[in-house]
N, C-alpha and C. Protein backbone atom coordinates (compact mmCIF):
# COMPACT_ATOMS: atom_id res chain seq x y z
N UNK A 1 7.81 -16.67 -3.91
CA UNK A 1 6.90 -15.60 -4.27
C UNK A 1 7.14 -15.19 -5.73
N UNK A 2 6.09 -14.76 -6.35
CA UNK A 2 6.20 -14.30 -7.72
C UNK A 2 6.74 -12.88 -7.77
N UNK A 3 7.21 -12.51 -8.94
CA UNK A 3 7.75 -11.16 -9.11
C UNK A 3 6.68 -10.10 -8.89
N UNK A 4 5.45 -10.37 -9.37
CA UNK A 4 4.36 -9.40 -9.18
C UNK A 4 4.12 -9.11 -7.71
N UNK A 5 4.10 -10.17 -6.91
CA UNK A 5 3.86 -10.02 -5.48
C UNK A 5 4.99 -9.25 -4.82
N UNK A 6 6.22 -9.57 -5.20
CA UNK A 6 7.36 -8.85 -4.63
C UNK A 6 7.33 -7.37 -5.02
N UNK A 7 6.95 -7.08 -6.26
CA UNK A 7 6.85 -5.69 -6.68
C UNK A 7 5.77 -4.95 -5.89
N UNK A 8 4.67 -5.60 -5.63
CA UNK A 8 3.60 -4.96 -4.86
C UNK A 8 4.04 -4.69 -3.43
N UNK A 9 4.71 -5.66 -2.82
CA UNK A 9 5.19 -5.46 -1.44
C UNK A 9 6.25 -4.36 -1.40
N UNK A 10 7.12 -4.35 -2.39
CA UNK A 10 8.15 -3.30 -2.46
C UNK A 10 7.51 -1.93 -2.68
N UNK A 11 6.44 -1.88 -3.47
CA UNK A 11 5.78 -0.59 -3.69
C UNK A 11 5.12 -0.07 -2.41
N UNK A 12 4.60 -0.98 -1.59
CA UNK A 12 4.05 -0.55 -0.29
C UNK A 12 5.17 0.05 0.56
N UNK A 13 6.31 -0.61 0.59
CA UNK A 13 7.45 -0.10 1.36
C UNK A 13 7.91 1.26 0.87
N UNK A 14 8.04 1.40 -0.45
CA UNK A 14 8.46 2.69 -1.01
C UNK A 14 7.46 3.78 -0.72
N UNK A 15 6.18 3.46 -0.82
CA UNK A 15 5.14 4.44 -0.50
C UNK A 15 5.28 4.94 0.93
N UNK A 16 5.44 4.02 1.87
CA UNK A 16 5.54 4.42 3.27
C UNK A 16 6.83 5.16 3.56
N UNK A 17 7.93 4.75 2.95
CA UNK A 17 9.19 5.47 3.15
C UNK A 17 9.05 6.91 2.66
N UNK A 18 8.54 7.08 1.45
CA UNK A 18 8.36 8.43 0.90
C UNK A 18 7.40 9.25 1.76
N UNK A 19 6.32 8.62 2.16
CA UNK A 19 5.30 9.34 2.91
C UNK A 19 5.80 9.79 4.28
N UNK A 20 6.38 8.86 5.04
CA UNK A 20 6.74 9.17 6.42
C UNK A 20 8.06 9.91 6.56
N UNK A 21 8.94 9.81 5.59
CA UNK A 21 10.23 10.50 5.71
C UNK A 21 10.28 11.84 4.98
N UNK A 22 9.41 12.04 4.00
CA UNK A 22 9.45 13.30 3.27
C UNK A 22 8.10 14.04 3.26
N UNK A 23 7.10 13.39 2.74
CA UNK A 23 5.84 14.08 2.47
C UNK A 23 5.16 14.60 3.74
N UNK A 24 5.03 13.76 4.74
CA UNK A 24 4.34 14.19 5.97
C UNK A 24 5.12 15.26 6.72
N UNK A 25 6.40 15.04 7.05
CA UNK A 25 7.06 16.06 7.89
C UNK A 25 7.33 17.39 7.20
N UNK A 26 7.57 17.38 5.88
CA UNK A 26 7.96 18.62 5.22
C UNK A 26 6.85 19.32 4.45
N UNK A 27 5.80 18.60 4.09
CA UNK A 27 4.75 19.22 3.28
C UNK A 27 3.39 19.21 3.98
N UNK A 28 2.96 18.05 4.45
CA UNK A 28 1.58 17.94 4.97
C UNK A 28 1.42 18.61 6.33
N UNK A 29 2.31 18.31 7.28
CA UNK A 29 2.15 18.87 8.63
C UNK A 29 2.28 20.39 8.64
N UNK A 30 3.30 20.98 7.97
CA UNK A 30 3.35 22.44 7.99
C UNK A 30 2.16 23.11 7.31
N UNK A 31 1.60 22.46 6.30
CA UNK A 31 0.51 23.07 5.56
C UNK A 31 -0.85 22.82 6.22
N UNK A 32 -1.11 21.56 6.58
CA UNK A 32 -2.45 21.19 7.04
C UNK A 32 -2.54 20.87 8.53
N UNK A 33 -1.43 20.74 9.20
CA UNK A 33 -1.44 20.49 10.63
C UNK A 33 -1.80 19.05 10.99
N UNK A 34 -2.35 18.88 12.17
CA UNK A 34 -2.63 17.55 12.72
C UNK A 34 -3.71 16.81 11.93
N UNK A 35 -4.71 17.52 11.43
CA UNK A 35 -5.76 16.85 10.66
C UNK A 35 -5.21 16.32 9.34
N UNK A 36 -4.28 17.03 8.73
CA UNK A 36 -3.64 16.56 7.51
C UNK A 36 -2.80 15.33 7.76
N UNK A 37 -2.16 15.29 8.92
CA UNK A 37 -1.36 14.13 9.30
C UNK A 37 -2.23 12.89 9.43
N UNK A 38 -3.36 13.03 10.10
CA UNK A 38 -4.27 11.89 10.27
C UNK A 38 -4.82 11.42 8.92
N UNK A 39 -5.16 12.35 8.05
CA UNK A 39 -5.69 11.98 6.74
C UNK A 39 -4.63 11.29 5.89
N UNK A 40 -3.41 11.77 5.92
CA UNK A 40 -2.33 11.15 5.13
C UNK A 40 -2.05 9.73 5.60
N UNK A 41 -2.05 9.52 6.90
CA UNK A 41 -1.82 8.18 7.43
C UNK A 41 -2.98 7.25 7.07
N UNK A 42 -4.20 7.75 7.15
CA UNK A 42 -5.36 6.94 6.79
C UNK A 42 -5.32 6.55 5.31
N UNK A 43 -4.94 7.48 4.45
CA UNK A 43 -4.86 7.18 3.02
C UNK A 43 -3.75 6.17 2.75
N UNK A 44 -2.60 6.32 3.40
CA UNK A 44 -1.49 5.38 3.20
C UNK A 44 -1.88 3.97 3.64
N UNK A 45 -2.54 3.86 4.77
CA UNK A 45 -2.97 2.55 5.25
C UNK A 45 -4.03 1.98 4.31
N UNK A 46 -4.93 2.81 3.83
CA UNK A 46 -5.95 2.34 2.89
C UNK A 46 -5.34 1.82 1.60
N UNK A 47 -4.39 2.55 1.04
CA UNK A 47 -3.73 2.10 -0.19
C UNK A 47 -3.00 0.79 0.05
N UNK A 48 -2.32 0.68 1.17
CA UNK A 48 -1.60 -0.55 1.49
C UNK A 48 -2.55 -1.73 1.62
N UNK A 49 -3.69 -1.51 2.26
CA UNK A 49 -4.66 -2.59 2.41
C UNK A 49 -5.23 -3.02 1.07
N UNK A 50 -5.47 -2.07 0.17
CA UNK A 50 -5.97 -2.40 -1.16
C UNK A 50 -4.95 -3.26 -1.91
N UNK A 51 -3.68 -2.89 -1.83
CA UNK A 51 -2.65 -3.67 -2.52
C UNK A 51 -2.55 -5.07 -1.94
N UNK A 52 -2.62 -5.21 -0.63
CA UNK A 52 -2.54 -6.52 0.01
C UNK A 52 -3.75 -7.38 -0.36
N UNK A 53 -4.93 -6.77 -0.41
CA UNK A 53 -6.13 -7.52 -0.80
C UNK A 53 -6.01 -8.02 -2.23
N UNK A 54 -5.45 -7.21 -3.13
CA UNK A 54 -5.28 -7.67 -4.50
C UNK A 54 -4.33 -8.85 -4.59
N UNK A 55 -3.33 -8.90 -3.71
CA UNK A 55 -2.43 -10.04 -3.68
C UNK A 55 -3.20 -11.30 -3.32
N UNK A 56 -4.05 -11.23 -2.30
CA UNK A 56 -4.82 -12.40 -1.88
C UNK A 56 -5.85 -12.80 -2.93
N UNK A 57 -6.46 -11.83 -3.60
CA UNK A 57 -7.43 -12.14 -4.64
C UNK A 57 -6.75 -12.86 -5.81
N UNK A 58 -5.57 -12.39 -6.19
CA UNK A 58 -4.84 -13.04 -7.28
C UNK A 58 -4.48 -14.48 -6.91
N UNK A 59 -4.06 -14.68 -5.66
CA UNK A 59 -3.72 -16.03 -5.23
C UNK A 59 -4.93 -16.95 -5.24
N UNK A 60 -6.08 -16.45 -4.80
CA UNK A 60 -7.27 -17.29 -4.79
C UNK A 60 -7.76 -17.57 -6.21
N UNK A 61 -7.66 -16.60 -7.10
CA UNK A 61 -8.04 -16.83 -8.49
C UNK A 61 -7.12 -17.85 -9.15
N UNK A 62 -5.85 -17.78 -8.83
CA UNK A 62 -4.89 -18.72 -9.38
C UNK A 62 -5.17 -20.13 -8.89
N UNK A 63 -5.50 -20.28 -7.62
CA UNK A 63 -5.79 -21.61 -7.07
C UNK A 63 -7.09 -22.17 -7.64
N UNK A 64 -8.08 -21.31 -7.90
CA UNK A 64 -9.33 -21.75 -8.52
C UNK A 64 -9.10 -22.23 -9.95
N UNK A 65 -8.22 -21.56 -10.69
CA UNK A 65 -7.91 -21.99 -12.04
C UNK A 65 -7.20 -23.34 -12.04
N UNK A 66 -6.33 -23.55 -11.05
CA UNK A 66 -5.61 -24.82 -10.94
C UNK A 66 -6.56 -25.97 -10.64
N UNK A 67 -7.59 -25.72 -9.83
CA UNK A 67 -8.55 -26.77 -9.49
C UNK A 67 -9.40 -27.15 -10.69
N UNK A 68 -9.72 -26.20 -11.55
CA UNK A 68 -10.54 -26.47 -12.73
C UNK A 68 -9.80 -27.31 -13.76
N UNK A 69 -8.48 -27.13 -13.82
CA UNK A 69 -7.69 -27.89 -14.80
C UNK A 69 -7.36 -29.21 -14.29
C-alpha cells in the first residue's frame, strides 16, 4: 500500500476513536441527546465512506494512466 492510502485509513481510525471515545459520550449526547447521537454516527460513516471512495478513485485513475502508457 502507498503512504497516502495508509494515511487515509489511519485518519478514518483516528476520526472514529476521537468520535466514539470522547466527542459522542461527553459532548454530543449530553447536549443533543439521542438525535445528536444518530446524526454524529451518520456523519462519521459518511466521512469514512467519502475517504474510502477517494482511495478507489485514485487506484482506478492510476491504473488508467498505466494502460495509456
